[in-house]
Protein backbone atom coordinates (compact mmCIF):
# COMPACT_ATOMS: atom_id res chain seq x y z
CA UNK A 1 -31.66 7.93 0.01
CA UNK A 2 -31.12 5.69 3.34
CA UNK A 3 -33.95 3.68 4.76
CA UNK A 4 -34.98 4.98 8.11
CA UNK A 5 -38.12 5.52 10.51
CA UNK A 6 -38.65 9.37 9.40
CA UNK A 7 -41.60 8.10 6.79
CA UNK A 8 -44.76 6.72 6.99
CA UNK A 9 -45.62 3.13 6.77
CA UNK A 10 -46.38 3.33 2.75
CA UNK A 11 -43.22 4.88 1.87
CA UNK A 12 -41.37 2.12 4.14
CA UNK A 13 -42.79 -0.55 2.18
CA UNK A 14 -41.93 1.21 -0.96
CA UNK A 15 -38.70 1.56 0.01
CA UNK A 16 -38.17 -2.03 1.15
CA UNK A 17 -39.75 -3.19 -1.91
CA UNK A 18 -37.16 -1.11 -4.25
CA UNK A 19 -34.23 -2.25 -1.80
CA UNK A 20 -35.11 -5.91 -2.10
CA UNK A 21 -35.39 -5.30 -5.90
CA UNK A 22 -31.66 -3.87 -5.32
CA UNK A 23 -30.39 -6.79 -3.76
CA UNK A 24 -31.88 -9.10 -6.18
CA UNK A 25 -30.28 -7.19 -9.20
CA UNK A 26 -26.69 -6.33 -7.43
CA UNK A 27 -25.17 -9.65 -6.32
CA UNK A 28 -21.81 -10.87 -4.94
CA UNK A 29 -21.41 -12.98 -7.93
CA UNK A 30 -21.76 -10.53 -10.30
CA UNK A 31 -18.87 -11.39 -13.01
CA UNK A 32 -17.07 -8.36 -14.58
CA UNK A 33 -15.52 -7.62 -18.15
CA UNK A 34 -13.06 -4.87 -18.99
CA UNK A 35 -15.12 -1.87 -20.20
CA UNK A 36 -12.12 0.76 -21.15
CA UNK A 37 -11.36 3.85 -18.98
CA UNK A 38 -12.85 6.94 -17.65
CA UNK A 39 -11.42 10.21 -16.11
CA UNK A 40 -11.76 10.74 -12.55
CA UNK A 41 -14.14 13.53 -11.54
CA UNK A 42 -15.74 15.21 -8.21
CA UNK A 43 -18.45 12.65 -8.73
CA UNK A 44 -16.33 9.93 -7.66
CA UNK A 45 -16.72 8.59 -4.27
CA UNK A 46 -13.17 8.32 -1.89
CA UNK A 47 -12.52 5.37 0.51
CA UNK A 48 -9.65 4.73 2.09
CA UNK A 49 -7.78 1.93 3.75
CA UNK A 50 -5.69 2.10 6.70
CA UNK A 51 -2.53 0.08 7.85
CA UNK A 52 -1.85 -0.09 11.82
CA UNK A 53 1.70 1.53 11.37
CA UNK A 54 0.48 4.58 9.23
CA UNK A 55 0.10 3.77 5.54
CA UNK A 56 -2.89 4.60 3.40
CA UNK A 57 -4.59 3.11 0.35
CA UNK A 58 -7.07 5.52 -1.25
CA UNK A 59 -9.37 4.48 -3.80
CA UNK A 60 -11.72 6.81 -6.23
CA UNK A 61 -14.54 5.09 -7.54
CA UNK A 62 -17.98 5.63 -9.59
CA UNK A 63 -20.83 3.71 -10.86
CA UNK A 64 -21.62 4.08 -14.49
CA UNK A 65 -24.62 3.06 -16.81
CA UNK A 66 -22.70 1.28 -19.38
CA UNK A 67 -25.22 0.62 -22.23
CA UNK A 68 -27.47 -0.42 -19.94
CA UNK A 69 -25.10 -2.29 -17.59
CA UNK A 70 -23.76 -1.35 -14.22
CA UNK A 71 -20.14 -0.58 -14.29
CA UNK A 72 -17.81 0.48 -11.66
CA UNK A 73 -14.78 2.63 -12.69
CA UNK A 74 -12.12 3.54 -9.95
CA UNK A 75 -8.30 4.11 -9.50
CA UNK A 76 -6.28 3.90 -6.33
CA UNK A 77 -2.63 4.67 -4.87
CA UNK A 78 -0.91 3.80 -1.52
CA UNK A 79 1.07 6.59 0.54
CA UNK A 80 3.55 6.52 3.33
CA UNK A 81 4.11 2.51 3.23
CA UNK A 82 6.30 0.71 5.60
CA UNK A 83 7.92 -2.46 4.32
CA UNK A 84 5.46 -4.52 5.76
CA UNK A 85 2.93 -2.62 4.26
CA UNK A 86 4.14 -2.61 1.36
CA UNK A 87 4.67 -6.76 1.29
CA UNK A 88 0.97 -7.11 2.11
CA UNK A 89 -0.50 -4.27 -0.02
CA UNK A 90 -1.94 -6.50 -2.77
CA UNK A 91 -3.52 -8.92 -0.52
CA UNK A 92 -5.26 -6.06 1.28
CA UNK A 93 -6.43 -4.30 -1.49
CA UNK A 94 -7.98 -7.77 -2.46
CA UNK A 95 -9.94 -7.91 0.56
CA UNK A 96 -11.58 -4.59 -0.96
CA UNK A 97 -15.16 -4.48 -1.65
CA UNK A 98 -17.76 -2.01 -3.40
CA UNK A 99 -21.19 -1.95 -1.53
CA UNK A 100 -24.37 -0.51 -2.88
CA UNK A 101 -26.51 0.57 -0.11
CA UNK A 102 -24.62 -1.74 2.11
CA UNK A 103 -24.90 -4.70 0.12
CA UNK A 104 -21.51 -6.19 -1.95
CA UNK A 105 -21.46 -5.33 -5.43
CA UNK A 106 -17.82 -6.16 -6.34
CA UNK A 107 -15.19 -7.64 -4.50
CA UNK A 108 -11.19 -7.48 -5.04
CA UNK A 109 -10.58 -3.75 -5.92
CA UNK A 110 -6.63 -4.96 -7.16
CA UNK A 111 -8.31 -4.49 -10.85
CA UNK A 112 -8.76 -1.08 -10.91
CA UNK A 113 -5.87 1.23 -12.10
CA UNK A 114 -3.03 1.46 -9.46
CA UNK A 115 -1.08 4.60 -9.25
CA UNK A 116 2.21 5.75 -7.55
CA UNK A 117 2.02 8.19 -4.95
CA UNK A 118 3.71 11.03 -6.66
CA UNK A 119 0.54 11.31 -9.15
CA UNK A 120 -2.56 12.90 -7.88
CA UNK A 121 -5.84 11.02 -8.42
CA UNK A 122 -7.67 13.94 -9.39
CA UNK A 123 -8.29 13.82 -13.14
CA UNK A 124 -6.20 10.37 -13.37
CA UNK A 125 -7.82 7.40 -15.73
CA UNK A 126 -9.76 4.94 -13.88
CA UNK A 127 -10.11 1.43 -14.96
CA UNK A 128 -13.82 0.70 -16.00
CA UNK A 129 -15.31 -2.81 -15.15
CA UNK A 130 -18.64 -3.48 -16.56
CA UNK A 131 -20.77 -6.11 -14.89
CA UNK A 132 -23.25 -8.73 -16.19
CA UNK A 133 -26.25 -6.56 -13.85
CA UNK A 134 -28.47 -4.11 -15.59
CA UNK A 135 -28.84 -0.66 -14.82
CA UNK A 136 -31.88 0.02 -12.72
CA UNK A 137 -33.10 2.99 -11.17
CA UNK A 138 -32.59 1.49 -7.74
CA UNK A 139 -28.84 1.12 -8.46
CA UNK A 140 -28.83 4.64 -9.73
CA UNK A 141 -30.10 5.90 -6.72
CA UNK A 142 -27.79 3.54 -4.31
CA UNK A 143 -25.37 5.07 -2.22
CA UNK A 144 -21.57 3.50 -3.40
CA UNK A 145 -18.86 2.95 -0.49
CA UNK A 146 -16.08 1.13 -0.75
CA UNK A 147 -15.19 -1.07 2.35
CA UNK A 148 -12.42 -3.22 3.66
CA UNK A 149 -12.59 -5.59 6.32
CA UNK A 150 -10.33 -5.84 9.32
CA UNK A 151 -7.59 -8.15 8.18
CA UNK A 152 -4.33 -8.91 9.85
CA UNK A 153 -1.26 -9.67 7.67
CA UNK A 154 2.07 -11.22 8.86
CA UNK A 155 1.81 -14.03 11.51
CA UNK A 156 4.62 -16.30 12.19
CA UNK A 157 5.17 -19.83 11.90
CA UNK A 158 3.16 -20.30 15.41
CA UNK A 159 0.55 -17.83 14.35
CA UNK A 160 1.60 -15.13 16.51
CA UNK A 161 1.05 -11.63 15.16
CA UNK A 162 4.32 -10.34 13.91
CA UNK A 163 3.17 -7.77 11.18
CA UNK A 164 0.33 -5.27 10.32
CA UNK A 165 -3.25 -5.03 10.65
CA UNK A 166 -5.61 -3.02 7.83
CA UNK A 167 -9.08 -1.70 7.99
CA UNK A 168 -11.16 0.63 6.59
CA UNK A 169 -11.37 2.91 9.86
CA UNK A 170 -7.85 4.32 11.08
CA UNK A 171 -7.16 2.99 14.51
CA UNK A 172 -10.00 0.78 14.96
CA UNK A 173 -10.83 -0.69 18.52
CA UNK A 174 -9.81 -4.50 17.31
CA UNK A 175 -6.15 -3.30 16.37
CA UNK A 176 -5.35 -2.16 19.96
């Protein structure tokens, strides 16, 4: 449930404390280990990254309680990639983040299973990564999002833009 001003002061304080607990539990520095695989279902969150030339990177991810530890399961695929996008693909996916309630919980999404564009992600196998963070009720309630910061790839030796931009927003204002 998102924090907001639609509830009384008592509930806001309680939510603030719960959110602070979530921040303390989920950190940017969480280490991960491979934890097997899972089948992608309708419960998975979809997140996309967009190249400025029309290419798309689609992610499907879920947060999972893995024997009392927070784990993330996910898979991804890229479609309609130009040569420049293909060259920059790995680097772009590396910039990806999984966020819980707006706070980064996992960086570098290249560790998840990659599929070619001829395969549907519906029902595909996802790679699972277990973190060292305990599963808590706050994590269970937290909103999971896939984020890609705005990135520019392929600059020439004089640092002039010659290539392609990438973001989680299609045709973002910074791209114009």
